[in-house]
Amino acid sequence: AEAGAASASSSESRLHALAAERLAIEGVSHEIDGGRFAAKVVAGRAFTLEADIFSDGHDSIDAAIQIGPRGGAVSEHPMEFVVNDRWQVELTLPEAGMAEFTLIAWRDLFATWRKEVTKKHAAGQDISLELEEGRQLLDAALKEGRAAREEKEQLKALLKDDKGLMKPAGPDSNAARFARLGAPEVLALMRRIGPRTNLTRYKTLPLHVDREAAEFSAWYELMPRSQSGDPARHGTFDDVI
């Protein structure tokens, strides 16, 4: 009975972990044989990396690449939506050597909120409760811990401005609040520092950053045994010299 309970608990834990990482990342352009071999790029030259990224439901999603030299510091770069489920990012790696990268994706709750409230507001519906939800998302970003000091100050100022627009309550107040909370610059800020719900991480893949000459240079092979000049004698290294 105890063994059965432990097995059920383990299965439930695995199920919860699978549900948490619910976004799909597939068709990575710079993945060869599942990562067995490293794709090649040229140092100092821009290249475009693509992948199919999608999720269930209608929530907005976002994605980024984390990349860096093997064993070195990793930098993160946002990916851009292209069409259907295809996302891409253009990168330039300055130095030759072995690098590693992975892709991450998550549900963007603030972008989803903004998209849905925009429709309700345009239809003339009351968005009072939705505005409170927006405040909670901003407050969550403030507590998330990924925001720099300057970004935290921007969030605090935004919340303060919104509080000042609450009175007198009504349609005009709601319109002013949504214009402030749903502004494009706020969307961009939240994309950088907002909570990453259902964060899903792809496996780490190798990337060979080669010298520019490696793109077009050719290797020539010489057989020392053929360099004696005498068909009856095997060639030596001295013959090659």
Foldseek 3Di string as FASTA:
>chain_A
DVVVVVVVVVVVVVVVLCVLQFKDKADWPQDDPNQPDGREDAAQDKDKIKIFIDGPDDFDKWKWKWKDAVVDDIDIDTWADDDDRMIMDIDHHHDFDKMKMKMKMFGQVLVRLLVVVVVCVVVVHDCVVSLVVLLVQLVQLLVVPQDDPVLNVVSVVLSVVLVVLPPPPDSVSVVVNSCSSNPPVNVVSCVRRTDGGSMHMGDMHMHGHDHPCVVDDDDDDDDQQPQPPDPVGGGDVVSVD
